[in-house]
C-alpha atoms as a PDB file:
ATOM      1  CA  MET A   1      -7.890  24.940  -3.066  1.00  0.00           C
ATOM      2  CA  PRO A   2      -5.206  22.305  -2.425  1.00  0.00           C
ATOM      3  CA  GLY A   3      -2.113  22.323  -4.614  1.00  0.00           C
ATOM      4  CA  ILE A   4      -0.776  19.320  -6.506  1.00  0.00           C
ATOM      5  CA  GLY A   5       1.589  18.398  -3.662  1.00  0.00           C
ATOM      6  CA  GLU A   6      -1.228  18.267  -1.141  1.00  0.00           C
ATOM      7  CA  LYS A   7      -3.430  16.290  -3.537  1.00  0.00           C
ATOM      8  CA  ILE A   8      -0.657  13.718  -3.973  1.00  0.00           C
ATOM      9  CA  ARG A   9      -0.126  13.513  -0.198  1.00  0.00           C
ATOM     10  CA  ASN A  10      -3.854  13.069   0.416  1.00  0.00           C
ATOM     11  CA  HIS A  11      -4.097  10.349  -2.261  1.00  0.00           C
ATOM     12  CA  PHE A  12      -0.594   8.914  -1.959  1.00  0.00           C
ATOM     13  CA  ALA A  13      -1.701   5.295  -2.445  1.00  0.00           C
ATOM     14  CA  LEU A  14      -3.287   6.082  -5.794  1.00  0.00           C
ATOM     15  CA  PHE A  15      -0.220   8.071  -6.830  1.00  0.00           C
ATOM     16  CA  PHE A  16       2.005   5.061  -6.103  1.00  0.00           C
ATOM     17  CA  LEU A  17      -0.442   2.755  -7.905  1.00  0.00           C
ATOM     18  CA  VAL A  18      -0.310   4.886 -11.055  1.00  0.00           C
ATOM     19  CA  ILE A  19       3.498   4.731 -10.975  1.00  0.00           C
ATOM     20  CA  ALA A  20       3.393   0.939 -10.531  1.00  0.00           C
ATOM     21  CA  LEU A  21       0.975   0.498 -13.427  1.00  0.00           C
ATOM     22  CA  LEU A  22       2.996   2.770 -15.716  1.00  0.00           C
ATOM     23  CA  CYS A  23       6.177   0.814 -14.941  1.00  0.00           C
ATOM     24  CA  ALA A  24       4.350  -2.470 -15.585  1.00  0.00           C
ATOM     25  CA  VAL A  25       3.014  -1.252 -18.930  1.00  0.00           C
ATOM     26  CA  VAL A  26       6.492  -0.157 -20.006  1.00  0.00           C
ATOM     27  CA  GLU A  27       7.969  -3.545 -19.052  1.00  0.00           C
ATOM     28  CA  ILE A  28       5.167  -5.452 -20.797  1.00  0.00           C
ATOM     29  CA  ILE A  29       5.603  -3.440 -23.993  1.00  0.00           C
ATOM     30  CA  LEU A  30       9.411  -3.442 -24.041  1.00  0.00           C
ATOM     31  CA  PHE A  31      10.094  -6.974 -22.824  1.00  0.00           C
ATOM     32  CA  LYS A  32       6.850  -8.797 -23.718  1.00  0.00           C
ATOM     33  CA  THR A  33       6.531 -10.143 -20.172  1.00  0.00           C
ATOM     34  CA  GLY A  34       3.405 -11.819 -18.830  1.00  0.00           C
ATOM     35  CA  ILE A  35       0.714  -9.330 -17.904  1.00  0.00           C
ATOM     36  CA  PRO A  36      -0.512 -10.641 -14.511  1.00  0.00           C
ATOM     37  CA  GLU A  37       2.948 -11.387 -13.093  1.00  0.00           C
ATOM     38  CA  THR A  38       4.407  -8.097 -14.306  1.00  0.00           C
ATOM     39  CA  ILE A  39       1.580  -5.959 -12.937  1.00  0.00           C
ATOM     40  CA  LEU A  40       1.642  -7.879  -9.649  1.00  0.00           C
ATOM     41  CA  ALA A  41       5.423  -7.601  -9.307  1.00  0.00           C
ATOM     42  CA  TRP A  42       5.349  -3.834  -9.883  1.00  0.00           C
ATOM     43  CA  ILE A  43       2.457  -3.345  -7.435  1.00  0.00           C
ATOM     44  CA  LEU A  44       4.430  -5.296  -4.855  1.00  0.00           C
ATOM     45  CA  LEU A  45       7.596  -3.298  -5.513  1.00  0.00           C
ATOM     46  CA  ILE A  46       5.984   0.153  -5.530  1.00  0.00           C
ATOM     47  CA  ASN A  47       2.802  -0.083  -3.431  1.00  0.00           C
ATOM     48  CA  ILE A  48       3.839  -2.673  -0.882  1.00  0.00           C
ATOM     49  CA  GLY A  49       7.624  -2.194  -1.052  1.00  0.00           C
ATOM     50  CA  PHE A  50       8.516   1.447  -1.533  1.00  0.00           C
ATOM     51  CA  GLN A  51       5.277   2.765  -0.066  1.00  0.00           C
ATOM     52  CA  GLY A  52       5.604   0.428   2.938  1.00  0.00           C
ATOM     53  CA  ILE A  53       9.176   1.437   3.692  1.00  0.00           C
ATOM     54  CA  LEU A  54       8.295   5.115   3.288  1.00  0.00           C
ATOM     55  CA  ALA A  55       5.235   4.702   5.536  1.00  0.00           C
ATOM     56  CA  GLY A  56       7.394   2.913   8.101  1.00  0.00           C
ATOM     57  CA  PHE A  57       9.808   5.832   8.304  1.00  0.00           C
ATOM     58  CA  MET A  58       6.999   8.377   8.320  1.00  0.00           C
ATOM     59  CA  HIS A  59       5.062   6.632  11.105  1.00  0.00           C
ATOM     60  CA  TRP A  60       8.268   6.308  13.153  1.00  0.00           C
ATOM     61  CA  TYR A  61       9.923   9.725  12.801  1.00  0.00           C
ATOM     62  CA  GLY A  62       8.646  12.231  15.400  1.00  0.00           C
ATOM     63  CA  PRO A  63       7.338  15.339  13.607  1.00  0.00           C
ATOM     64  CA  THR A  64       6.216  13.409  10.543  1.00  0.00           C
ATOM     65  CA  ALA A  65       4.567  10.741  12.693  1.00  0.00           C
ATOM     66  CA  ASP A  66       2.642  13.431  14.570  1.00  0.00           C
ATOM     67  CA  ASN A  67       1.453  14.950  11.291  1.00  0.00           C
ATOM     68  CA  ILE A  68       0.315  11.549  10.008  1.00  0.00           C
ATOM     69  CA  ALA A  69      -1.475  10.787  13.279  1.00  0.00           C
ATOM     70  CA  GLU A  70      -3.303  14.096  12.961  1.00  0.00           C
ATOM     71  CA  LYS A  71      -4.297  13.352   9.345  1.00  0.00           C
ATOM     72  CA  LEU A  72      -5.523   9.933  10.504  1.00  0.00           C
ATOM     73  CA  GLY A  73      -7.531  11.554  13.278  1.00  0.00           C
ATOM     74  CA  TRP A  74      -5.539   9.635  15.904  1.00  0.00           C
ATOM     75  CA  MET A  75      -3.747  10.747  19.047  1.00  0.00           C
ATOM     76  CA  GLN A  76      -0.190  11.884  18.510  1.00  0.00           C
ATOM     77  CA  LYS A  77       2.738  10.154  20.224  1.00  0.00           C
ATOM     78  CA  SER A  78       0.839   6.879  20.575  1.00  0.00           C
ATOM     79  CA  PRO A  79       3.025   3.765  20.940  1.00  0.00           C
ATOM     80  CA  PHE A  80       0.889   2.187  18.230  1.00  0.00           C
ATOM     81  CA  GLN A  81       2.506   4.512  15.703  1.00  0.00           C
ATOM     82  CA  LYS A  82       5.794   2.638  16.198  1.00  0.00           C
ATOM     83  CA  GLU A  83       4.032  -0.708  15.785  1.00  0.00           C
ATOM     84  CA  VAL A  84       2.339   0.435  12.580  1.00  0.00           C
ATOM     85  CA  ALA A  85       5.730   1.734  11.416  1.00  0.00           C
ATOM     86  CA  ALA A  86       7.343  -1.650  12.061  1.00  0.00           C
ATOM     87  CA  ALA A  87       4.598  -3.541  10.193  1.00  0.00           C
ATOM     88  CA  ASP A  88       4.708  -1.122   7.256  1.00  0.00           C
ATOM     89  CA  ALA A  89       8.492  -1.329   7.017  1.00  0.00           C
ATOM     90  CA  ALA A  90       8.523  -5.137   7.351  1.00  0.00           C
ATOM     91  CA  PHE A  91       6.052  -5.607   4.517  1.00  0.00           C
ATOM     92  CA  GLY A  92       7.878  -2.912   2.571  1.00  0.00           C
ATOM     93  CA  VAL A  93      11.058  -4.977   2.701  1.00  0.00           C
ATOM     94  CA  LEU A  94       9.092  -8.074   1.621  1.00  0.00           C
ATOM     95  CA  GLY A  95       7.567  -6.134  -1.277  1.00  0.00           C
ATOM     96  CA  VAL A  96      10.973  -5.048  -2.549  1.00  0.00           C
ATOM     97  CA  LEU A  97      12.474  -8.530  -2.152  1.00  0.00           C
ATOM     98  CA  SER A  98       9.509 -10.200  -3.862  1.00  0.00           C
ATOM     99  CA  PHE A  99      10.154  -8.157  -6.997  1.00  0.00           C
ATOM    100  CA  PHE A 100      13.564  -9.792  -7.324  1.00  0.00           C
ATOM    101  CA  ILE A 101      12.996 -13.240  -5.802  1.00  0.00           C
ATOM    102  CA  ARG A 102       9.521 -13.852  -7.284  1.00  0.00           C
ATOM    103  CA  ASP A 103       7.954 -17.341  -7.323  1.00  0.00           C
ATOM    104  CA  ASN A 104       6.624 -18.409  -3.904  1.00  0.00           C
ATOM    105  CA  PHE A 105       8.210 -15.405  -2.189  1.00  0.00           C
ATOM    106  CA  LEU A 106       5.914 -13.261  -4.307  1.00  0.00           C
ATOM    107  CA  VAL A 107       2.974 -15.491  -3.317  1.00  0.00           C
ATOM    108  CA  ALA A 108       3.711 -15.157   0.396  1.00  0.00           C
ATOM    109  CA  THR A 109       4.094 -11.374   0.129  1.00  0.00           C
ATOM    110  CA  VAL A 110       0.743 -11.079  -1.679  1.00  0.00           C
ATOM    111  CA  ILE A 111      -1.006 -13.142   0.999  1.00  0.00           C
ATOM    112  CA  GLY A 112       0.544 -11.352   3.984  1.00  0.00           C
ATOM    113  CA  GLY A 113       0.325  -7.898   2.442  1.00  0.00           C
ATOM    114  CA  SER A 114      -3.285  -8.451   1.401  1.00  0.00           C
ATOM    115  CA  VAL A 115      -4.310  -9.507   4.889  1.00  0.00           C
ATOM    116  CA  MET A 116      -2.564  -6.524   6.477  1.00  0.00           C
ATOM    117  CA  ILE A 117      -3.890  -3.938   4.024  1.00  0.00           C
ATOM    118  CA  PHE A 118      -7.429  -5.330   3.958  1.00  0.00           C
ATOM    119  CA  PHE A 119      -7.684  -5.273   7.754  1.00  0.00           C
ATOM    120  CA  MET A 120      -6.310  -1.724   7.768  1.00  0.00           C
ATOM    121  CA  GLY A 121      -9.166  -0.831   5.408  1.00  0.00           C
ATOM    122  CA  ILE A 122     -11.689  -2.497   7.716  1.00  0.00           C
ATOM    123  CA  GLY A 123     -10.178  -0.503  10.587  1.00  0.00           C
ATOM    124  CA  HIS A 124     -10.675   2.727   8.647  1.00  0.00           C
ATOM    125  CA  VAL A 125     -14.303   1.843   7.901  1.00  0.00           C
ATOM    126  CA  LEU A 126     -15.003   0.957  11.536  1.00  0.00           C
ATOM    127  CA  ASP A 127     -13.341   4.180  12.709  1.00  0.00           C
ATOM    128  CA  MET A 128     -15.445   6.207  10.270  1.00  0.00           C
ATOM    129  CA  ARG A 129     -18.634   4.539  11.480  1.00  0.00           C
ATOM    130  CA  LYS A 130     -17.882   4.495  15.195  1.00  0.00           C
ATOM    131  CA  SER A 131     -16.012   7.771  15.658  1.00  0.00           C
ATOM    132  CA  LYS A 132     -17.219   9.639  12.556  1.00  0.00           C
ATOM    133  CA  ASN A 133     -13.510  10.058  11.726  1.00  0.00           C
ATOM    134  CA  ILE A 134     -13.337  11.411   8.183  1.00  0.00           C
ATOM    135  CA  SER A 135      -9.776  12.704   8.438  1.00  0.00           C
ATOM    136  CA  PRO A 136      -7.909  12.703   5.082  1.00  0.00           C
ATOM    137  CA  TYR A 137      -5.782   9.616   5.805  1.00  0.00           C
ATOM    138  CA  ASN A 138      -8.668   7.693   7.391  1.00  0.00           C
ATOM    139  CA  ALA A 139     -11.372   8.238   4.782  1.00  0.00           C
ATOM    140  CA  GLY A 140     -11.542   8.619   1.030  1.00  0.00           C
ATOM    141  CA  SER A 141      -9.157   7.039  -1.442  1.00  0.00           C
ATOM    142  CA  VAL A 142      -7.104   5.261   1.232  1.00  0.00           C
ATOM    143  CA  VAL A 143     -10.152   3.183   2.210  1.00  0.00           C
ATOM    144  CA  TYR A 144     -10.864   2.117  -1.369  1.00  0.00           C
ATOM    145  CA  PHE A 145      -7.186   1.333  -1.857  1.00  0.00           C
ATOM    146  CA  ASP A 146      -6.971  -0.752   1.333  1.00  0.00           C
ATOM    147  CA  LEU A 147     -10.092  -2.735   0.498  1.00  0.00           C
ATOM    148  CA  LEU A 148      -9.614  -3.169  -3.253  1.00  0.00           C
ATOM    149  CA  LEU A 149      -5.852  -3.578  -3.750  1.00  0.00           C
ATOM    150  CA  PRO A 150      -5.769  -6.926  -1.896  1.00  0.00           C
ATOM    151  CA  VAL A 151      -8.532  -8.220  -4.169  1.00  0.00           C
ATOM    152  CA  VAL A 152      -6.632  -7.031  -7.249  1.00  0.00           C
ATOM    153  CA  MET A 153      -3.383  -8.615  -6.028  1.00  0.00           C
ATOM    154  CA  ILE A 154      -5.066 -11.950  -5.306  1.00  0.00           C
ATOM    155  CA  VAL A 155      -6.809 -11.974  -8.700  1.00  0.00           C
ATOM    156  CA  LEU A 156      -3.494 -11.211 -10.431  1.00  0.00           C
ATOM    157  CA  LEU A 157      -1.803 -13.930  -8.384  1.00  0.00           C
ATOM    158  CA  VAL A 158      -4.426 -16.506  -9.367  1.00  0.00           C
ATOM    159  CA  LEU A 159      -4.226 -15.475 -13.033  1.00  0.00           C
ATOM    160  CA  TRP A 160      -0.439 -15.727 -12.977  1.00  0.00           C
ATOM    161  CA  LYS A 161      -0.370 -19.085 -11.154  1.00  0.00           C
ATOM    162  CA  THR A 162      -2.984 -20.577 -13.492  1.00  0.00           C
ATOM    163  CA  GLY A 163      -0.898 -19.670 -16.510  1.00  0.00           C
ATOM    164  CA  TYR A 164      -2.741 -16.681 -17.894  1.00  0.00           C
END
């Protein structure tokens, strides 16, 4: 039976989402900030920002990258790992900056991050169907996260921009 550490690693996106939502709730309660913008800003900071930067390092660094490739059901030492690392890190930086810059920077980060994450989710689904790849980082909660978080971010963005 997997321990708590392994459960968190296998469902890391949900773990980060819970942290983002808890931080948003605290800010909303303490500072009476707007709900959609606050939740969106924290999701961008934690899930796109911190998680993206962490994923960038983990996809880049040798032994960790090999472990992630294995958990994705992909070949180790593929040059694509470095490209995924660069994309993750780039959007991670945008996620962190959008928390502080906000306004249209936040909008652009939601759009770009949503496109990237959603297509990653589609890639996971296609890999599961074509290759029957049900490795921990290719199937399960990561797929739901990749397909649903962009929808949530866009809905929050629309609510915020329409004055909710």
